[in-house]
């Protein structure tokens, strides 16, 4: 697994989370747009990390969809079922708004 790449993605995800926490509860429409972009970026980073982890495990099946990546990580005991379900729901929600 490319640990350095995962580390960089985690740093970027941390910045997204920090920005989201700073803007929590805002009613400013412009800041709400920024929040939506940070949420989308954070989700994409998680999807990218899932792909990186799966590709590094040659015994893992190839996912056929974005949500399936999180099922595979659950099967491999990388994620809890609850976290995987939350990630899959986030993807569904993102797809509604895109």
Foldseek 3Di string as FASTA:
>chain_A
DPPVVLVVLVVLLVVLVVLLVVCPPDPDPVVVVVNVVSLVSNLVSVLVVLVVVQVVDPVFDDDPDSLVSLVSCCVVVNDPPVVSVVSSVSVVVVVVVD
